[in-house]
mmCIF file of all heavy atoms, coordinates in Angstrom:
data_MODEL
# 
_entry.id   MODEL 
# 
loop_
_atom_site.group_PDB 
_atom_site.id 
_atom_site.type_symbol 
_atom_site.label_atom_id 
_atom_site.label_alt_id 
_atom_site.label_comp_id 
_atom_site.label_asym_id 
_atom_site.label_entity_id 
_atom_site.label_seq_id 
_atom_site.pdbx_PDB_ins_code 
_atom_site.Cartn_x 
_atom_site.Cartn_y 
_atom_site.Cartn_z 
_atom_site.occupancy 
_atom_site.B_iso_or_equiv 
_atom_site.pdbx_formal_charge 
_atom_site.auth_seq_id 
_atom_site.auth_comp_id 
_atom_site.auth_asym_id 
_atom_site.auth_atom_id 
_atom_site.pdbx_PDB_model_num 
ATOM 1   N N   . PHE A 1 1  ? -4.925  -89.358 87.917 1.00 0.00 ? 1  PHE A N   1 
ATOM 2   C CA  . PHE A 1 1  ? -4.745  -88.195 88.796 1.00 0.00 ? 1  PHE A CA  1 
ATOM 3   C C   . PHE A 1 1  ? -5.501  -88.406 90.103 1.00 0.00 ? 1  PHE A C   1 
ATOM 4   O O   . PHE A 1 1  ? -5.005  -88.110 91.188 1.00 0.00 ? 1  PHE A O   1 
ATOM 5   C CB  . PHE A 1 1  ? -5.244  -86.934 88.080 1.00 0.00 ? 1  PHE A CB  1 
ATOM 6   C CG  . PHE A 1 1  ? -5.324  -85.725 88.960 1.00 0.00 ? 1  PHE A CG  1 
ATOM 7   C CD1 . PHE A 1 1  ? -4.173  -85.045 89.336 1.00 0.00 ? 1  PHE A CD1 1 
ATOM 8   C CD2 . PHE A 1 1  ? -6.557  -85.271 89.429 1.00 0.00 ? 1  PHE A CD2 1 
ATOM 9   C CE1 . PHE A 1 1  ? -4.248  -83.924 90.153 1.00 0.00 ? 1  PHE A CE1 1 
ATOM 10  C CE2 . PHE A 1 1  ? -6.639  -84.156 90.240 1.00 0.00 ? 1  PHE A CE2 1 
ATOM 11  C CZ  . PHE A 1 1  ? -5.480  -83.482 90.613 1.00 0.00 ? 1  PHE A CZ  1 
ATOM 12  N N   . GLN A 1 2  ? -6.692  -88.964 89.983 1.00 0.00 ? 2  GLN A N   1 
ATOM 13  C CA  . GLN A 1 2  ? -7.551  -89.174 91.147 1.00 0.00 ? 2  GLN A CA  1 
ATOM 14  C C   . GLN A 1 2  ? -6.925  -90.149 92.143 1.00 0.00 ? 2  GLN A C   1 
ATOM 15  O O   . GLN A 1 2  ? -7.028  -89.957 93.350 1.00 0.00 ? 2  GLN A O   1 
ATOM 16  C CB  . GLN A 1 2  ? -8.915  -89.689 90.684 1.00 0.00 ? 2  GLN A CB  1 
ATOM 17  C CG  . GLN A 1 2  ? -10.004 -89.612 91.733 1.00 0.00 ? 2  GLN A CG  1 
ATOM 18  C CD  . GLN A 1 2  ? -11.346 -90.073 91.187 1.00 0.00 ? 2  GLN A CD  1 
ATOM 19  O OE1 . GLN A 1 2  ? -11.419 -90.944 90.327 1.00 0.00 ? 2  GLN A OE1 1 
ATOM 20  N NE2 . GLN A 1 2  ? -12.420 -89.476 91.694 1.00 0.00 ? 2  GLN A NE2 1 
ATOM 21  N N   . ASN A 1 3  ? -6.253  -91.202 91.623 1.00 0.00 ? 3  ASN A N   1 
ATOM 22  C CA  . ASN A 1 3  ? -5.658  -92.177 92.539 1.00 0.00 ? 3  ASN A CA  1 
ATOM 23  C C   . ASN A 1 3  ? -4.214  -91.837 92.930 1.00 0.00 ? 3  ASN A C   1 
ATOM 24  O O   . ASN A 1 3  ? -3.549  -92.611 93.612 1.00 0.00 ? 3  ASN A O   1 
ATOM 25  C CB  . ASN A 1 3  ? -5.734  -93.604 91.967 1.00 0.00 ? 3  ASN A CB  1 
ATOM 26  C CG  . ASN A 1 3  ? -4.897  -93.783 90.703 1.00 0.00 ? 3  ASN A CG  1 
ATOM 27  O OD1 . ASN A 1 3  ? -3.897  -93.115 90.505 1.00 0.00 ? 3  ASN A OD1 1 
ATOM 28  N ND2 . ASN A 1 3  ? -5.316  -94.717 89.853 1.00 0.00 ? 3  ASN A ND2 1 
ATOM 29  N N   . GLY A 1 4  ? -3.739  -90.663 92.475 1.00 0.00 ? 4  GLY A N   1 
ATOM 30  C CA  . GLY A 1 4  ? -2.416  -90.203 92.894 1.00 0.00 ? 4  GLY A CA  1 
ATOM 31  C C   . GLY A 1 4  ? -1.264  -90.707 92.055 1.00 0.00 ? 4  GLY A C   1 
ATOM 32  O O   . GLY A 1 4  ? -0.094  -90.464 92.396 1.00 0.00 ? 4  GLY A O   1 
ATOM 33  N N   . SER A 1 5  ? -1.539  -91.413 90.951 1.00 0.00 ? 5  SER A N   1 
ATOM 34  C CA  . SER A 1 5  ? -0.463  -91.936 90.102 1.00 0.00 ? 5  SER A CA  1 
ATOM 35  C C   . SER A 1 5  ? 0.263   -90.815 89.376 1.00 0.00 ? 5  SER A C   1 
ATOM 36  O O   . SER A 1 5  ? 1.450   -90.926 89.081 1.00 0.00 ? 5  SER A O   1 
ATOM 37  C CB  . SER A 1 5  ? -1.027  -92.914 89.058 1.00 0.00 ? 5  SER A CB  1 
ATOM 38  O OG  . SER A 1 5  ? -1.671  -93.993 89.682 1.00 0.00 ? 5  SER A OG  1 
ATOM 39  N N   . ILE A 1 6  ? -0.456  -89.749 89.058 1.00 0.00 ? 6  ILE A N   1 
ATOM 40  C CA  . ILE A 1 6  ? 0.153   -88.594 88.404 1.00 0.00 ? 6  ILE A CA  1 
ATOM 41  C C   . ILE A 1 6  ? -0.311  -87.324 89.112 1.00 0.00 ? 6  ILE A C   1 
ATOM 42  O O   . ILE A 1 6  ? -1.363  -87.312 89.747 1.00 0.00 ? 6  ILE A O   1 
ATOM 43  C CB  . ILE A 1 6  ? -0.209  -88.506 86.899 1.00 0.00 ? 6  ILE A CB  1 
ATOM 44  C CG1 . ILE A 1 6  ? -1.728  -88.406 86.700 1.00 0.00 ? 6  ILE A CG1 1 
ATOM 45  C CG2 . ILE A 1 6  ? 0.361   -89.685 86.127 1.00 0.00 ? 6  ILE A CG2 1 
ATOM 46  C CD1 . ILE A 1 6  ? -2.161  -88.185 85.256 1.00 0.00 ? 6  ILE A CD1 1 
ATOM 47  N N   . ASN A 1 7  ? 0.517   -86.263 89.006 1.00 0.00 ? 7  ASN A N   1 
ATOM 48  C CA  . ASN A 1 7  ? 0.128   -84.993 89.606 1.00 0.00 ? 7  ASN A CA  1 
ATOM 49  C C   . ASN A 1 7  ? -0.539  -84.085 88.573 1.00 0.00 ? 7  ASN A C   1 
ATOM 50  O O   . ASN A 1 7  ? -0.705  -84.481 87.416 1.00 0.00 ? 7  ASN A O   1 
ATOM 51  C CB  . ASN A 1 7  ? 1.332   -84.308 90.267 1.00 0.00 ? 7  ASN A CB  1 
ATOM 52  C CG  . ASN A 1 7  ? 2.447   -84.014 89.271 1.00 0.00 ? 7  ASN A CG  1 
ATOM 53  O OD1 . ASN A 1 7  ? 2.195   -83.789 88.086 1.00 0.00 ? 7  ASN A OD1 1 
ATOM 54  N ND2 . ASN A 1 7  ? 3.673   -84.010 89.749 1.00 0.00 ? 7  ASN A ND2 1 
ATOM 55  N N   . LEU A 1 8  ? -0.872  -82.880 88.988 1.00 0.00 ? 8  LEU A N   1 
ATOM 56  C CA  . LEU A 1 8  ? -1.590  -81.959 88.107 1.00 0.00 ? 8  LEU A CA  1 
ATOM 57  C C   . LEU A 1 8  ? -0.770  -81.596 86.865 1.00 0.00 ? 8  LEU A C   1 
ATOM 58  O O   . LEU A 1 8  ? -1.310  -81.516 85.760 1.00 0.00 ? 8  LEU A O   1 
ATOM 59  C CB  . LEU A 1 8  ? -1.984  -80.699 88.872 1.00 0.00 ? 8  LEU A CB  1 
ATOM 60  C CG  . LEU A 1 8  ? -2.987  -79.781 88.177 1.00 0.00 ? 8  LEU A CG  1 
ATOM 61  C CD1 . LEU A 1 8  ? -4.335  -80.473 88.036 1.00 0.00 ? 8  LEU A CD1 1 
ATOM 62  C CD2 . LEU A 1 8  ? -3.153  -78.489 88.950 1.00 0.00 ? 8  LEU A CD2 1 
ATOM 63  N N   . SER A 1 9  ? 0.535   -81.389 87.058 1.00 0.00 ? 9  SER A N   1 
ATOM 64  C CA  . SER A 1 9  ? 1.403   -81.047 85.916 1.00 0.00 ? 9  SER A CA  1 
ATOM 65  C C   . SER A 1 9  ? 1.441   -82.172 84.901 1.00 0.00 ? 9  SER A C   1 
ATOM 66  O O   . SER A 1 9  ? 1.393   -81.940 83.681 1.00 0.00 ? 9  SER A O   1 
ATOM 67  C CB  . SER A 1 9  ? 2.826   -80.739 86.398 1.00 0.00 ? 9  SER A CB  1 
ATOM 68  O OG  . SER A 1 9  ? 2.838   -79.586 87.203 1.00 0.00 ? 9  SER A OG  1 
ATOM 69  N N   . GLU A 1 10 ? 1.515   -83.421 85.400 1.00 0.00 ? 10 GLU A N   1 
ATOM 70  C CA  . GLU A 1 10 ? 1.549   -84.575 84.490 1.00 0.00 ? 10 GLU A CA  1 
ATOM 71  C C   . GLU A 1 10 ? 0.206   -84.752 83.791 1.00 0.00 ? 10 GLU A C   1 
ATOM 72  O O   . GLU A 1 10 ? 0.155   -85.106 82.612 1.00 0.00 ? 10 GLU A O   1 
ATOM 73  C CB  . GLU A 1 10 ? 1.924   -85.834 85.282 1.00 0.00 ? 10 GLU A CB  1 
ATOM 74  C CG  . GLU A 1 10 ? 3.363   -85.822 85.751 1.00 0.00 ? 10 GLU A CG  1 
ATOM 75  C CD  . GLU A 1 10 ? 3.665   -86.907 86.772 1.00 0.00 ? 10 GLU A CD  1 
ATOM 76  O OE1 . GLU A 1 10 ? 2.797   -87.178 87.636 1.00 0.00 ? 10 GLU A OE1 1 
ATOM 77  O OE2 . GLU A 1 10 ? 4.761   -87.480 86.715 1.00 0.00 ? 10 GLU A OE2 1 
ATOM 78  N N   . LEU A 1 11 ? -0.880  -84.495 84.509 1.00 0.00 ? 11 LEU A N   1 
ATOM 79  C CA  . LEU A 1 11 ? -2.207  -84.572 83.901 1.00 0.00 ? 11 LEU A CA  1 
ATOM 80  C C   . LEU A 1 11 ? -2.333  -83.542 82.781 1.00 0.00 ? 11 LEU A C   1 
ATOM 81  O O   . LEU A 1 11 ? -2.846  -83.845 81.696 1.00 0.00 ? 11 LEU A O   1 
ATOM 82  C CB  . LEU A 1 11 ? -3.293  -84.320 84.956 1.00 0.00 ? 11 LEU A CB  1 
ATOM 83  C CG  . LEU A 1 11 ? -4.745  -84.298 84.455 1.00 0.00 ? 11 LEU A CG  1 
ATOM 84  C CD1 . LEU A 1 11 ? -5.134  -85.621 83.817 1.00 0.00 ? 11 LEU A CD1 1 
ATOM 85  C CD2 . LEU A 1 11 ? -5.695  -83.955 85.608 1.00 0.00 ? 11 LEU A CD2 1 
ATOM 86  N N   . SER A 1 12 ? -1.815  -82.343 83.014 1.00 0.00 ? 12 SER A N   1 
ATOM 87  C CA  . SER A 1 12 ? -1.835  -81.290 82.001 1.00 0.00 ? 12 SER A CA  1 
ATOM 88  C C   . SER A 1 12 ? -1.038  -81.694 80.771 1.00 0.00 ? 12 SER A C   1 
ATOM 89  O O   . SER A 1 12 ? -1.498  -81.547 79.632 1.00 0.00 ? 12 SER A O   1 
ATOM 90  C CB  . SER A 1 12 ? -1.276  -79.992 82.599 1.00 0.00 ? 12 SER A CB  1 
ATOM 91  O OG  . SER A 1 12 ? -1.191  -78.985 81.608 1.00 0.00 ? 12 SER A OG  1 
ATOM 92  N N   . ARG A 1 13 ? 0.165   -82.237 80.994 1.00 0.00 ? 13 ARG A N   1 
ATOM 93  C CA  . ARG A 1 13 ? 1.029   -82.625 79.872 1.00 0.00 ? 13 ARG A CA  1 
ATOM 94  C C   . ARG A 1 13 ? 0.455   -83.798 79.089 1.00 0.00 ? 13 ARG A C   1 
ATOM 95  O O   . ARG A 1 13 ? 0.396   -83.769 77.859 1.00 0.00 ? 13 ARG A O   1 
ATOM 96  C CB  . ARG A 1 13 ? 2.425   -82.991 80.388 1.00 0.00 ? 13 ARG A CB  1 
ATOM 97  C CG  . ARG A 1 13 ? 3.423   -83.362 79.295 1.00 0.00 ? 13 ARG A CG  1 
ATOM 98  C CD  . ARG A 1 13 ? 4.775   -83.687 79.885 1.00 0.00 ? 13 ARG A CD  1 
ATOM 99  N NE  . ARG A 1 13 ? 4.726   -84.828 80.777 1.00 0.00 ? 13 ARG A NE  1 
ATOM 100 C CZ  . ARG A 1 13 ? 4.755   -86.099 80.379 1.00 0.00 ? 13 ARG A CZ  1 
ATOM 101 N NH1 . ARG A 1 13 ? 4.809   -86.390 79.104 1.00 0.00 ? 13 ARG A NH1 1 
ATOM 102 N NH2 . ARG A 1 13 ? 4.716   -87.082 81.263 1.00 0.00 ? 13 ARG A NH2 1 
ATOM 103 N N   . LEU A 1 14 ? 0.012   -84.830 79.792 1.00 0.00 ? 14 LEU A N   1 
ATOM 104 C CA  . LEU A 1 14 ? -0.503  -86.030 79.126 1.00 0.00 ? 14 LEU A CA  1 
ATOM 105 C C   . LEU A 1 14 ? -1.780  -85.749 78.341 1.00 0.00 ? 14 LEU A C   1 
ATOM 106 O O   . LEU A 1 14 ? -1.972  -86.273 77.241 1.00 0.00 ? 14 LEU A O   1 
ATOM 107 C CB  . LEU A 1 14 ? -0.768  -87.134 80.159 1.00 0.00 ? 14 LEU A CB  1 
ATOM 108 C CG  . LEU A 1 14 ? 0.478   -87.793 80.781 1.00 0.00 ? 14 LEU A CG  1 
ATOM 109 C CD1 . LEU A 1 14 ? 0.080   -88.651 81.969 1.00 0.00 ? 14 LEU A CD1 1 
ATOM 110 C CD2 . LEU A 1 14 ? 1.225   -88.632 79.743 1.00 0.00 ? 14 LEU A CD2 1 
ATOM 111 N N   . SER A 1 15 ? -2.638  -84.926 78.904 1.00 0.00 ? 15 SER A N   1 
ATOM 112 C CA  . SER A 1 15 ? -3.914  -84.652 78.242 1.00 0.00 ? 15 SER A CA  1 
ATOM 113 C C   . SER A 1 15 ? -3.823  -83.508 77.241 1.00 0.00 ? 15 SER A C   1 
ATOM 114 O O   . SER A 1 15 ? -4.730  -83.308 76.441 1.00 0.00 ? 15 SER A O   1 
ATOM 115 C CB  . SER A 1 15 ? -5.006  -84.352 79.274 1.00 0.00 ? 15 SER A CB  1 
ATOM 116 O OG  . SER A 1 15 ? -4.650  -83.232 80.054 1.00 0.00 ? 15 SER A OG  1 
ATOM 117 N N   . GLY A 1 16 ? -2.706  -82.754 77.284 1.00 0.00 ? 16 GLY A N   1 
ATOM 118 C CA  . GLY A 1 16 ? -2.541  -81.640 76.357 1.00 0.00 ? 16 GLY A CA  1 
ATOM 119 C C   . GLY A 1 16 ? -3.497  -80.492 76.651 1.00 0.00 ? 16 GLY A C   1 
ATOM 120 O O   . GLY A 1 16 ? -3.955  -79.803 75.744 1.00 0.00 ? 16 GLY A O   1 
ATOM 121 N N   . ILE A 1 17 ? -3.796  -80.306 77.938 1.00 0.00 ? 17 ILE A N   1 
ATOM 122 C CA  . ILE A 1 17 ? -4.767  -79.281 78.347 1.00 0.00 ? 17 ILE A CA  1 
ATOM 123 C C   . ILE A 1 17 ? -4.082  -78.308 79.303 1.00 0.00 ? 17 ILE A C   1 
ATOM 124 O O   . ILE A 1 17 ? -3.335  -78.723 80.188 1.00 0.00 ? 17 ILE A O   1 
ATOM 125 C CB  . ILE A 1 17 ? -5.989  -79.936 79.031 1.00 0.00 ? 17 ILE A CB  1 
ATOM 126 C CG1 . ILE A 1 17 ? -6.703  -80.869 78.048 1.00 0.00 ? 17 ILE A CG1 1 
ATOM 127 C CG2 . ILE A 1 17 ? -6.956  -78.890 79.557 1.00 0.00 ? 17 ILE A CG2 1 
ATOM 128 C CD1 . ILE A 1 17 ? -7.760  -81.736 78.682 1.00 0.00 ? 17 ILE A CD1 1 
ATOM 129 N N   . SER A 1 18 ? -4.341  -77.030 79.143 1.00 0.00 ? 18 SER A N   1 
ATOM 130 C CA  . SER A 1 18 ? -3.718  -76.006 79.976 1.00 0.00 ? 18 SER A CA  1 
ATOM 131 C C   . SER A 1 18 ? -4.220  -76.095 81.417 1.00 0.00 ? 18 SER A C   1 
ATOM 132 O O   . SER A 1 18 ? -5.298  -76.636 81.684 1.00 0.00 ? 18 SER A O   1 
ATOM 133 C CB  . SER A 1 18 ? -4.002  -74.610 79.419 1.00 0.00 ? 18 SER A CB  1 
ATOM 134 O OG  . SER A 1 18 ? -5.378  -74.306 79.553 1.00 0.00 ? 18 SER A OG  1 
ATOM 135 N N   . ARG A 1 19 ? -3.419  -75.546 82.359 1.00 0.00 ? 19 ARG A N   1 
ATOM 136 C CA  . ARG A 1 19 ? -3.792  -75.570 83.777 1.00 0.00 ? 19 ARG A CA  1 
ATOM 137 C C   . ARG A 1 19 ? -5.150  -74.912 84.040 1.00 0.00 ? 19 ARG A C   1 
ATOM 138 O O   . ARG A 1 19 ? -5.992  -75.500 84.724 1.00 0.00 ? 19 ARG A O   1 
ATOM 139 C CB  . ARG A 1 19 ? -2.717  -74.869 84.609 1.00 0.00 ? 19 ARG A CB  1 
ATOM 140 C CG  . ARG A 1 19 ? -1.457  -75.692 84.847 1.00 0.00 ? 19 ARG A CG  1 
ATOM 141 C CD  . ARG A 1 19 ? -1.705  -76.787 85.862 1.00 0.00 ? 19 ARG A CD  1 
ATOM 142 N NE  . ARG A 1 19 ? -0.446  -77.393 86.258 1.00 0.00 ? 19 ARG A NE  1 
ATOM 143 C CZ  . ARG A 1 19 ? 0.204   -77.096 87.380 1.00 0.00 ? 19 ARG A CZ  1 
ATOM 144 N NH1 . ARG A 1 19 ? -0.281  -76.192 88.199 1.00 0.00 ? 19 ARG A NH1 1 
ATOM 145 N NH2 . ARG A 1 19 ? 1.318   -77.700 87.676 1.00 0.00 ? 19 ARG A NH2 1 
ATOM 146 N N   . PRO A 1 20 ? -5.413  -73.688 83.525 1.00 0.00 ? 20 PRO A N   1 
ATOM 147 C CA  . PRO A 1 20 ? -6.716  -73.063 83.795 1.00 0.00 ? 20 PRO A CA  1 
ATOM 148 C C   . PRO A 1 20 ? -7.889  -73.916 83.333 1.00 0.00 ? 20 PRO A C   1 
ATOM 149 O O   . PRO A 1 20 ? -8.909  -74.024 84.020 1.00 0.00 ? 20 PRO A O   1 
ATOM 150 C CB  . PRO A 1 20 ? -6.645  -71.753 83.001 1.00 0.00 ? 20 PRO A CB  1 
ATOM 151 C CG  . PRO A 1 20 ? -5.198  -71.445 82.904 1.00 0.00 ? 20 PRO A CG  1 
ATOM 152 C CD  . PRO A 1 20 ? -4.528  -72.783 82.763 1.00 0.00 ? 20 PRO A CD  1 
ATOM 153 N N   . THR A 1 21 ? -7.735  -74.556 82.153 1.00 0.00 ? 21 THR A N   1 
ATOM 154 C CA  . THR A 1 21 ? -8.814  -75.411 81.640 1.00 0.00 ? 21 THR A CA  1 
ATOM 155 C C   . THR A 1 21 ? -8.964  -76.648 82.509 1.00 0.00 ? 21 THR A C   1 
ATOM 156 O O   . THR A 1 21 ? -10.082 -77.102 82.775 1.00 0.00 ? 21 THR A O   1 
ATOM 157 C CB  . THR A 1 21 ? -8.537  -75.806 80.175 1.00 0.00 ? 21 THR A CB  1 
ATOM 158 O OG1 . THR A 1 21 ? -8.371  -74.615 79.402 1.00 0.00 ? 21 THR A OG1 1 
ATOM 159 C CG2 . THR A 1 21 ? -9.686  -76.619 79.602 1.00 0.00 ? 21 THR A CG2 1 
ATOM 160 N N   . LEU A 1 22 ? -7.841  -77.199 82.987 1.00 0.00 ? 22 LEU A N   1 
ATOM 161 C CA  . LEU A 1 22 ? -7.895  -78.370 83.869 1.00 0.00 ? 22 LEU A CA  1 
ATOM 162 C C   . LEU A 1 22 ? -8.659  -78.056 85.148 1.00 0.00 ? 22 LEU A C   1 
ATOM 163 O O   . LEU A 1 22 ? -9.477  -78.857 85.606 1.00 0.00 ? 22 LEU A O   1 
ATOM 164 C CB  . LEU A 1 22 ? -6.482  -78.840 84.218 1.00 0.00 ? 22 LEU A CB  1 
ATOM 165 C CG  . LEU A 1 22 ? -5.816  -79.838 83.279 1.00 0.00 ? 22 LEU A CG  1 
ATOM 166 C CD1 . LEU A 1 22 ? -4.474  -80.260 83.844 1.00 0.00 ? 22 LEU A CD1 1 
ATOM 167 C CD2 . LEU A 1 22 ? -6.683  -81.062 83.047 1.00 0.00 ? 22 LEU A CD2 1 
ATOM 168 N N   . TYR A 1 23 ? -8.369  -76.889 85.740 1.00 0.00 ? 23 TYR A N   1 
ATOM 169 C CA  . TYR A 1 23 ? -9.082  -76.499 86.966 1.00 0.00 ? 23 TYR A CA  1 
ATOM 170 C C   . TYR A 1 23 ? -10.584 -76.448 86.714 1.00 0.00 ? 23 TYR A C   1 
ATOM 171 O O   . TYR A 1 23 ? -11.397 -76.890 87.535 1.00 0.00 ? 23 TYR A O   1 
ATOM 172 C CB  . TYR A 1 23 ? -8.591  -75.141 87.459 1.00 0.00 ? 23 TYR A CB  1 
ATOM 173 C CG  . TYR A 1 23 ? -7.183  -75.144 87.992 1.00 0.00 ? 23 TYR A CG  1 
ATOM 174 C CD1 . TYR A 1 23 ? -6.269  -74.175 87.593 1.00 0.00 ? 23 TYR A CD1 1 
ATOM 175 C CD2 . TYR A 1 23 ? -6.761  -76.117 88.898 1.00 0.00 ? 23 TYR A CD2 1 
ATOM 176 C CE1 . TYR A 1 23 ? -4.965  -74.176 88.075 1.00 0.00 ? 23 TYR A CE1 1 
ATOM 177 C CE2 . TYR A 1 23 ? -5.457  -76.127 89.385 1.00 0.00 ? 23 TYR A CE2 1 
ATOM 178 C CZ  . TYR A 1 23 ? -4.566  -75.151 88.972 1.00 0.00 ? 23 TYR A CZ  1 
ATOM 179 O OH  . TYR A 1 23 ? -3.290  -75.157 89.449 1.00 0.00 ? 23 TYR A OH  1 
ATOM 180 N N   . LYS A 1 24 ? -10.955 -75.934 85.545 1.00 0.00 ? 24 LYS A N   1 
ATOM 181 C CA  . LYS A 1 24 ? -12.373 -75.845 85.176 1.00 0.00 ? 24 LYS A CA  1 
ATOM 182 C C   . LYS A 1 24 ? -12.978 -77.250 85.062 1.00 0.00 ? 24 LYS A C   1 
ATOM 183 O O   . LYS A 1 24 ? -14.063 -77.520 85.593 1.00 0.00 ? 24 LYS A O   1 
ATOM 184 C CB  . LYS A 1 24 ? -12.490 -75.103 83.844 1.00 0.00 ? 24 LYS A CB  1 
ATOM 185 C CG  . LYS A 1 24 ? -13.890 -75.052 83.266 1.00 0.00 ? 24 LYS A CG  1 
ATOM 186 C CD  . LYS A 1 24 ? -13.853 -74.378 81.896 1.00 0.00 ? 24 LYS A CD  1 
ATOM 187 C CE  . LYS A 1 24 ? -15.177 -74.508 81.181 1.00 0.00 ? 24 LYS A CE  1 
ATOM 188 N NZ  . LYS A 1 24 ? -15.132 -73.925 79.819 1.00 0.00 ? 24 LYS A NZ  1 
ATOM 189 N N   . TYR A 1 25 ? -12.254 -78.166 84.376 1.00 0.00 ? 25 TYR A N   1 
ATOM 190 C CA  . TYR A 1 25 ? -12.751 -79.531 84.189 1.00 0.00 ? 25 TYR A CA  1 
ATOM 191 C C   . TYR A 1 25 ? -12.841 -80.272 85.518 1.00 0.00 ? 25 TYR A C   1 
ATOM 192 O O   . TYR A 1 25 ? -13.786 -81.041 85.744 1.00 0.00 ? 25 TYR A O   1 
ATOM 193 C CB  . TYR A 1 25 ? -11.851 -80.305 83.231 1.00 0.00 ? 25 TYR A CB  1 
ATOM 194 C CG  . TYR A 1 25 ? -11.912 -79.833 81.795 1.00 0.00 ? 25 TYR A CG  1 
ATOM 195 C CD1 . TYR A 1 25 ? -10.993 -80.311 80.852 1.00 0.00 ? 25 TYR A CD1 1 
ATOM 196 C CD2 . TYR A 1 25 ? -12.874 -78.929 81.350 1.00 0.00 ? 25 TYR A CD2 1 
ATOM 197 C CE1 . TYR A 1 25 ? -11.049 -79.890 79.521 1.00 0.00 ? 25 TYR A CE1 1 
ATOM 198 C CE2 . TYR A 1 25 ? -12.930 -78.507 80.039 1.00 0.00 ? 25 TYR A CE2 1 
ATOM 199 C CZ  . TYR A 1 25 ? -12.012 -78.995 79.125 1.00 0.00 ? 25 TYR A CZ  1 
ATOM 200 O OH  . TYR A 1 25 ? -12.055 -78.583 77.822 1.00 0.00 ? 25 TYR A OH  1 
# 
């Protein structure tokens, strides 16, 4: 995600983590 290979939605799906929790992390 940091290097732009995936976006926030893909990070959420791949990691199995909800958007609100991702924002927190």
